Amino acid sequence: MRAAKFKRSGCTFSFDADSGDQAVLRFARHYVDPDAAVFNVSYVIVPAPYLEWINRQHRASGQVRAPVAFAPAVVAGDVMPPPHAAHLPDSEKSFRSRWALREGHHRSCGEALANVLRDAAIPQMIHLLDRANLLHECRHPTMPVVRLVPLTRVEILLRVDDAPAREIEALLADVRPAGPGDDFAAWVRRRLATRVGSQ
């Protein structure tokens, strides 16, 4: 992770793109097996506009909020272990994503994790930090990631900083409030006005 320029904080590693968008990878331990250290490795992609949207109350009040260790995100993915490093290699459910560090197999598990991170997970995260790539993946899924935000909102958030305002307005027409007090459309329009005013 260090070689890929990720910064470590405890069990979390993060990478900030020039755009302010962020990839965050986290290790989470599960105490489910007395004979193995069982853990998940997962990652999320957090575009800067999305982070600003979910933190809008703090920004409006001038409060400084500490970074969230594993922030809400647009997409999330698991770093899948090969069978020999998996806790339940025959599982077809979410448990299949759990790694297992067993006595006598520390080196093989570590090497497997390093290989998967280097060859698959890190390239995937870096690829998805490009907003055009992330939007394409959300529209036409091909990777083992899960979209966590409705598609129209994702498109607005990923394009709000550079798409013509009329295109964002057209997308806003298709956005339905998530509930009482959902001010997403108003927030987007304020951001558009700020962008236009600064040009």
C-alpha atoms as a PDB file:
ATOM      1  CA  MET A   1       0.000   0.000   0.000  1.00  0.00           C
ATOM      2  CA  ARG A   2       2.885   2.348   0.752  1.00  0.00           C
ATOM      3  CA  ALA A   3       4.402   1.694  -2.668  1.00  0.00           C
ATOM      4  CA  ALA A   4       1.054   2.667  -4.222  1.00  0.00           C
ATOM      5  CA  LYS A   5       1.135   5.935  -2.218  1.00  0.00           C
ATOM      6  CA  PHE A   6      -1.704   5.029   0.149  1.00  0.00           C
ATOM      7  CA  LYS A   7      -1.536   6.573   3.622  1.00  0.00           C
ATOM      8  CA  ARG A   8      -2.120   4.406   6.656  1.00  0.00           C
ATOM      9  CA  SER A   9      -4.189   5.233   9.711  1.00  0.00           C
ATOM     10  CA  GLY A  10      -4.644   2.192  11.948  1.00  0.00           C
ATOM     11  CA  CYS A  11      -6.329  -0.524   9.901  1.00  0.00           C
ATOM     12  CA  THR A  12      -7.305   1.901   7.137  1.00  0.00           C
ATOM     13  CA  PHE A  13      -5.393   3.021   4.050  1.00  0.00           C
ATOM     14  CA  SER A  14      -6.444   5.978   1.909  1.00  0.00           C
ATOM     15  CA  PHE A  15      -5.438   7.515  -1.397  1.00  0.00           C
ATOM     16  CA  ASP A  16      -6.415  11.051  -2.392  1.00  0.00           C
ATOM     17  CA  ALA A  17      -6.686  11.858  -6.095  1.00  0.00           C
ATOM     18  CA  ASP A  18      -5.861  15.333  -7.397  1.00  0.00           C
ATOM     19  CA  SER A  19      -9.620  15.928  -7.691  1.00  0.00           C
ATOM     20  CA  GLY A  20     -10.075  15.372  -3.961  1.00  0.00           C
ATOM     21  CA  ASP A  21     -11.818  12.045  -4.609  1.00  0.00           C
ATOM     22  CA  GLN A  22     -10.699   9.299  -2.270  1.00  0.00           C
ATOM     23  CA  ALA A  23     -10.202   5.540  -2.231  1.00  0.00           C
ATOM     24  CA  VAL A  24     -10.248   3.969   1.226  1.00  0.00           C
ATOM     25  CA  LEU A  25      -9.250   0.400   2.025  1.00  0.00           C
ATOM     26  CA  ARG A  26      -9.965  -1.160   5.405  1.00  0.00           C
ATOM     27  CA  PHE A  27      -9.089  -4.329   7.289  1.00  0.00           C
ATOM     28  CA  ALA A  28     -11.768  -5.615   9.686  1.00  0.00           C
ATOM     29  CA  ARG A  29     -11.174  -8.494  12.105  1.00  0.00           C
ATOM     30  CA  HIS A  30     -13.851 -11.132  12.851  1.00  0.00           C
ATOM     31  CA  TYR A  31     -13.557 -13.187  16.030  1.00  0.00           C
ATOM     32  CA  VAL A  32     -15.266 -16.292  14.684  1.00  0.00           C
ATOM     33  CA  ASP A  33     -12.540 -18.970  14.683  1.00  0.00           C
ATOM     34  CA  PRO A  34     -10.213 -19.813  17.586  1.00  0.00           C
ATOM     35  CA  ASP A  35      -7.728 -21.373  15.175  1.00  0.00           C
ATOM     36  CA  ALA A  36      -7.356 -18.492  12.735  1.00  0.00           C
ATOM     37  CA  ALA A  37      -7.250 -14.721  12.506  1.00  0.00           C
ATOM     38  CA  VAL A  38     -10.231 -14.074  10.232  1.00  0.00           C
ATOM     39  CA  PHE A  39     -10.592 -10.718   8.516  1.00  0.00           C
ATOM     40  CA  ASN A  40     -12.138  -8.857   5.593  1.00  0.00           C
ATOM     41  CA  VAL A  41     -10.373  -6.443   3.295  1.00  0.00           C
ATOM     42  CA  SER A  42     -12.761  -4.026   1.603  1.00  0.00           C
ATOM     43  CA  TYR A  43     -12.626  -0.676  -0.125  1.00  0.00           C
ATOM     44  CA  VAL A  44     -14.839   2.258  -1.008  1.00  0.00           C
ATOM     45  CA  ILE A  45     -14.670   5.099  -3.517  1.00  0.00           C
ATOM     46  CA  VAL A  46     -15.702   8.494  -2.151  1.00  0.00           C
ATOM     47  CA  PRO A  47     -15.903  11.322  -4.726  1.00  0.00           C
ATOM     48  CA  ALA A  48     -15.294  14.755  -3.213  1.00  0.00           C
ATOM     49  CA  PRO A  49     -18.751  16.152  -4.173  1.00  0.00           C
ATOM     50  CA  TYR A  50     -20.415  13.206  -2.439  1.00  0.00           C
ATOM     51  CA  LEU A  51     -18.369  13.744   0.722  1.00  0.00           C
ATOM     52  CA  GLU A  52     -19.284  17.430   0.652  1.00  0.00           C
ATOM     53  CA  TRP A  53     -22.955  16.552   0.194  1.00  0.00           C
ATOM     54  CA  ILE A  54     -23.100  14.195   3.185  1.00  0.00           C
ATOM     55  CA  ASN A  55     -21.135  16.680   5.328  1.00  0.00           C
ATOM     56  CA  ARG A  56     -23.110  19.750   4.208  1.00  0.00           C
ATOM     57  CA  GLN A  57     -24.476  20.593   7.668  1.00  0.00           C
ATOM     58  CA  HIS A  58     -20.983  20.654   9.161  1.00  0.00           C
ATOM     59  CA  ARG A  59     -19.656  22.843   6.354  1.00  0.00           C
ATOM     60  CA  ALA A  60     -22.605  25.243   6.561  1.00  0.00           C
ATOM     61  CA  SER A  61     -22.086  25.737  10.298  1.00  0.00           C
ATOM     62  CA  GLY A  62     -18.352  26.219   9.892  1.00  0.00           C
ATOM     63  CA  GLN A  63     -17.585  23.184  12.023  1.00  0.00           C
ATOM     64  CA  VAL A  64     -14.515  21.154  11.270  1.00  0.00           C
ATOM     65  CA  ARG A  65     -15.261  17.470  11.147  1.00  0.00           C
ATOM     66  CA  ALA A  66     -12.588  14.817  11.485  1.00  0.00           C
ATOM     67  CA  PRO A  67     -12.281  12.449   8.511  1.00  0.00           C
ATOM     68  CA  VAL A  68     -14.466   9.358   8.806  1.00  0.00           C
ATOM     69  CA  ALA A  69     -12.412   6.160   9.052  1.00  0.00           C
ATOM     70  CA  PHE A  70     -14.608   4.375   6.527  1.00  0.00           C
ATOM     71  CA  ALA A  71     -16.861   7.004   5.025  1.00  0.00           C
ATOM     72  CA  PRO A  72     -20.184   6.502   3.277  1.00  0.00           C
ATOM     73  CA  ALA A  73     -19.372   5.964  -0.369  1.00  0.00           C
ATOM     74  CA  VAL A  74     -20.631   5.716  -3.928  1.00  0.00           C
ATOM     75  CA  VAL A  75     -19.310   2.200  -4.525  1.00  0.00           C
ATOM     76  CA  ALA A  76     -17.801  -0.522  -2.341  1.00  0.00           C
ATOM     77  CA  GLY A  77     -15.895  -3.696  -3.103  1.00  0.00           C
ATOM     78  CA  ASP A  78     -14.323  -6.644  -1.323  1.00  0.00           C
ATOM     79  CA  VAL A  79     -10.757  -7.827  -1.839  1.00  0.00           C
ATOM     80  CA  MET A  80     -11.421 -11.517  -2.438  1.00  0.00           C
ATOM     81  CA  PRO A  81      -8.977 -14.142  -1.150  1.00  0.00           C
ATOM     82  CA  PRO A  82      -7.840 -17.064  -3.305  1.00  0.00           C
ATOM     83  CA  PRO A  83      -9.147 -20.411  -1.993  1.00  0.00           C
ATOM     84  CA  HIS A  84      -6.012 -21.296  -0.010  1.00  0.00           C
ATOM     85  CA  ALA A  85      -6.204 -18.001   1.944  1.00  0.00           C
ATOM     86  CA  ALA A  86      -9.988 -17.955   2.420  1.00  0.00           C
ATOM     87  CA  HIS A  87     -11.654 -18.780   5.715  1.00  0.00           C
ATOM     88  CA  LEU A  88     -14.559 -20.517   3.972  1.00  0.00           C
ATOM     89  CA  PRO A  89     -13.334 -21.215   0.433  1.00  0.00           C
ATOM     90  CA  ASP A  90     -16.478 -23.166  -0.512  1.00  0.00           C
ATOM     91  CA  SER A  91     -18.941 -20.517   0.658  1.00  0.00           C
ATOM     92  CA  GLU A  92     -21.008 -18.810  -2.036  1.00  0.00           C
ATOM     93  CA  LYS A  93     -22.231 -16.005   0.195  1.00  0.00           C
ATOM     94  CA  SER A  94     -20.599 -12.946   1.750  1.00  0.00           C
ATOM     95  CA  PHE A  95     -18.505 -15.153   4.020  1.00  0.00           C
ATOM     96  CA  ARG A  96     -16.432 -16.077   0.948  1.00  0.00           C
ATOM     97  CA  SER A  97     -14.727 -12.693   1.160  1.00  0.00           C
ATOM     98  CA  ARG A  98     -13.155 -13.490   4.548  1.00  0.00           C
ATOM     99  CA  TRP A  99      -9.433 -14.130   4.719  1.00  0.00           C
ATOM    100  CA  ALA A 100      -7.867 -16.502   7.289  1.00  0.00           C
ATOM    101  CA  LEU A 101      -4.409 -16.203   8.763  1.00  0.00           C
ATOM    102  CA  ARG A 102      -3.634 -19.679  10.127  1.00  0.00           C
ATOM    103  CA  GLU A 103      -0.738 -21.032  12.131  1.00  0.00           C
ATOM    104  CA  GLY A 104       1.990 -22.184   9.770  1.00  0.00           C
ATOM    105  CA  HIS A 105       0.469 -20.375   6.784  1.00  0.00           C
ATOM    106  CA  HIS A 106       1.267 -16.760   7.633  1.00  0.00           C
ATOM    107  CA  ARG A 107       3.658 -16.283   4.734  1.00  0.00           C
ATOM    108  CA  SER A 108       1.397 -17.828   2.084  1.00  0.00           C
ATOM    109  CA  CYS A 109      -1.589 -15.750   3.276  1.00  0.00           C
ATOM    110  CA  GLY A 110       0.487 -12.571   3.315  1.00  0.00           C
ATOM    111  CA  GLU A 111       1.890 -13.242  -0.136  1.00  0.00           C
ATOM    112  CA  ALA A 112      -1.599 -13.973  -1.480  1.00  0.00           C
ATOM    113  CA  LEU A 113      -2.938 -10.730  -0.039  1.00  0.00           C
ATOM    114  CA  ALA A 114      -0.003  -8.722  -1.414  1.00  0.00           C
ATOM    115  CA  ASN A 115      -0.548 -10.241  -4.860  1.00  0.00           C
ATOM    116  CA  VAL A 116      -4.298  -9.557  -4.901  1.00  0.00           C
ATOM    117  CA  LEU A 117      -3.785  -5.988  -3.711  1.00  0.00           C
ATOM    118  CA  ARG A 118      -1.043  -5.294  -6.265  1.00  0.00           C
ATOM    119  CA  ASP A 119      -2.605  -7.069  -9.246  1.00  0.00           C
ATOM    120  CA  ALA A 120      -6.330  -6.426  -8.755  1.00  0.00           C
ATOM    121  CA  ALA A 121      -7.574  -4.261  -5.878  1.00  0.00           C
ATOM    122  CA  ILE A 122      -5.222  -1.276  -6.127  1.00  0.00           C
ATOM    123  CA  PRO A 123      -5.573  -1.014  -9.944  1.00  0.00           C
ATOM    124  CA  GLN A 124      -9.364  -1.212  -9.540  1.00  0.00           C
ATOM    125  CA  MET A 125      -9.380   1.573  -6.955  1.00  0.00           C
ATOM    126  CA  ILE A 126      -7.120   3.832  -9.012  1.00  0.00           C
ATOM    127  CA  HIS A 127      -9.241   3.149 -12.106  1.00  0.00           C
ATOM    128  CA  LEU A 128     -12.425   4.120 -10.254  1.00  0.00           C
ATOM    129  CA  LEU A 129     -10.920   7.362  -8.960  1.00  0.00           C
ATOM    130  CA  ASP A 130     -11.312   8.696 -12.487  1.00  0.00           C
ATOM    131  CA  ARG A 131     -14.881  10.058 -12.443  1.00  0.00           C
ATOM    132  CA  ALA A 132     -15.559   9.047 -16.057  1.00  0.00           C
ATOM    133  CA  ASN A 133     -14.500   5.484 -15.262  1.00  0.00           C
ATOM    134  CA  LEU A 134     -16.579   5.416 -12.097  1.00  0.00           C
ATOM    135  CA  LEU A 135     -19.650   6.709 -13.911  1.00  0.00           C
ATOM    136  CA  HIS A 136     -19.203   4.131 -16.677  1.00  0.00           C
ATOM    137  CA  GLU A 137     -18.904   1.358 -14.093  1.00  0.00           C
ATOM    138  CA  CYS A 138     -22.057   2.547 -12.325  1.00  0.00           C
ATOM    139  CA  ARG A 139     -23.939   2.610 -15.629  1.00  0.00           C
ATOM    140  CA  HIS A 140     -22.511  -0.643 -17.011  1.00  0.00           C
ATOM    141  CA  PRO A 141     -21.217  -2.809 -14.150  1.00  0.00           C
ATOM    142  CA  THR A 142     -18.346  -5.156 -14.970  1.00  0.00           C
ATOM    143  CA  MET A 143     -16.322  -5.118 -11.748  1.00  0.00           C
ATOM    144  CA  PRO A 144     -17.020  -6.798  -8.375  1.00  0.00           C
ATOM    145  CA  VAL A 145     -18.239  -3.603  -6.716  1.00  0.00           C
ATOM    146  CA  VAL A 146     -21.627  -2.560  -5.363  1.00  0.00           C
ATOM    147  CA  ARG A 147     -23.177   0.842  -6.141  1.00  0.00           C
ATOM    148  CA  LEU A 148     -24.501   2.417  -2.930  1.00  0.00           C
ATOM    149  CA  VAL A 149     -26.161   5.558  -4.325  1.00  0.00           C
ATOM    150  CA  PRO A 150     -29.013   5.801  -6.881  1.00  0.00           C
ATOM    151  CA  LEU A 151     -27.637   6.068 -10.420  1.00  0.00           C
ATOM    152  CA  THR A 152     -29.071   9.503 -11.270  1.00  0.00           C
ATOM    153  CA  ARG A 153     -27.611  10.996  -8.093  1.00  0.00           C
ATOM    154  CA  VAL A 154     -24.266   9.376  -8.864  1.00  0.00           C
ATOM    155  CA  GLU A 155     -24.263  10.918 -12.334  1.00  0.00           C
ATOM    156  CA  ILE A 156     -25.083  14.354 -10.926  1.00  0.00           C
ATOM    157  CA  LEU A 157     -22.395  14.136  -8.246  1.00  0.00           C
ATOM    158  CA  LEU A 158     -19.742  12.960 -10.696  1.00  0.00           C
ATOM    159  CA  ARG A 159     -20.582  15.594 -13.314  1.00  0.00           C
ATOM    160  CA  VAL A 160     -21.621  18.598 -11.205  1.00  0.00           C
ATOM    161  CA  ASP A 161     -18.154  20.164 -11.365  1.00  0.00           C
ATOM    162  CA  ASP A 162     -17.783  20.165 -15.157  1.00  0.00           C
ATOM    163  CA  ALA A 163     -20.988  19.298 -17.050  1.00  0.00           C
ATOM    164  CA  PRO A 164     -23.111  22.094 -18.556  1.00  0.00           C
ATOM    165  CA  ALA A 165     -25.626  23.356 -15.999  1.00  0.00           C
ATOM    166  CA  ARG A 166     -28.535  22.554 -18.340  1.00  0.00           C
ATOM    167  CA  GLU A 167     -27.523  18.872 -18.361  1.00  0.00           C
ATOM    168  CA  ILE A 168     -27.407  18.762 -14.573  1.00  0.00           C
ATOM    169  CA  GLU A 169     -30.819  20.454 -14.427  1.00  0.00           C
ATOM    170  CA  ALA A 170     -32.212  17.820 -16.788  1.00  0.00           C
ATOM    171  CA  LEU A 171     -30.893  15.093 -14.492  1.00  0.00           C
ATOM    172  CA  LEU A 172     -32.339  16.822 -11.432  1.00  0.00           C
ATOM    173  CA  ALA A 173     -35.775  16.564 -13.015  1.00  0.00           C
ATOM    174  CA  ASP A 174     -35.513  12.778 -12.534  1.00  0.00           C
ATOM    175  CA  VAL A 175     -34.425  12.918  -8.884  1.00  0.00           C
ATOM    176  CA  ARG A 176     -37.060  12.081  -6.312  1.00  0.00           C
ATOM    177  CA  PRO A 177     -36.553  13.243  -2.697  1.00  0.00           C
ATOM    178  CA  ALA A 178     -35.270  10.460  -0.466  1.00  0.00           C
ATOM    179  CA  GLY A 179     -37.529  11.713   2.322  1.00  0.00           C
ATOM    180  CA  PRO A 180     -38.671  14.841   4.184  1.00  0.00           C
ATOM    181  CA  GLY A 181     -35.927  17.426   4.291  1.00  0.00           C
ATOM    182  CA  ASP A 182     -33.965  15.987   1.392  1.00  0.00           C
ATOM    183  CA  ASP A 183     -32.384  19.141  -0.057  1.00  0.00           C
ATOM    184  CA  PHE A 184     -30.198  17.421  -2.652  1.00  0.00           C
ATOM    185  CA  ALA A 185     -31.543  19.410  -5.596  1.00  0.00           C
ATOM    186  CA  ALA A 186     -31.133  22.728  -3.776  1.00  0.00           C
ATOM    187  CA  TRP A 187     -27.597  21.794  -2.731  1.00  0.00           C
ATOM    188  CA  VAL A 188     -26.674  20.874  -6.320  1.00  0.00           C
ATOM    189  CA  ARG A 189     -28.069  24.173  -7.627  1.00  0.00           C
ATOM    190  CA  ARG A 190     -26.078  26.122  -5.035  1.00  0.00           C
ATOM    191  CA  ARG A 191     -22.938  24.279  -6.099  1.00  0.00           C
ATOM    192  CA  LEU A 192     -23.673  25.030  -9.751  1.00  0.00           C
ATOM    193  CA  ALA A 193     -24.181  28.711  -8.940  1.00  0.00           C
ATOM    194  CA  THR A 194     -20.891  28.817  -7.040  1.00  0.00           C
ATOM    195  CA  ARG A 195     -19.118  27.149  -9.957  1.00  0.00           C
ATOM    196  CA  VAL A 196     -20.554  29.605 -12.473  1.00  0.00           C
ATOM    197  CA  GLY A 197     -19.782  32.558 -10.204  1.00  0.00           C
ATOM    198  CA  SER A 198     -16.139  31.572  -9.875  1.00  0.00           C
ATOM    199  CA  GLN A 199     -15.577  31.279 -13.650  1.00  0.00           C
END
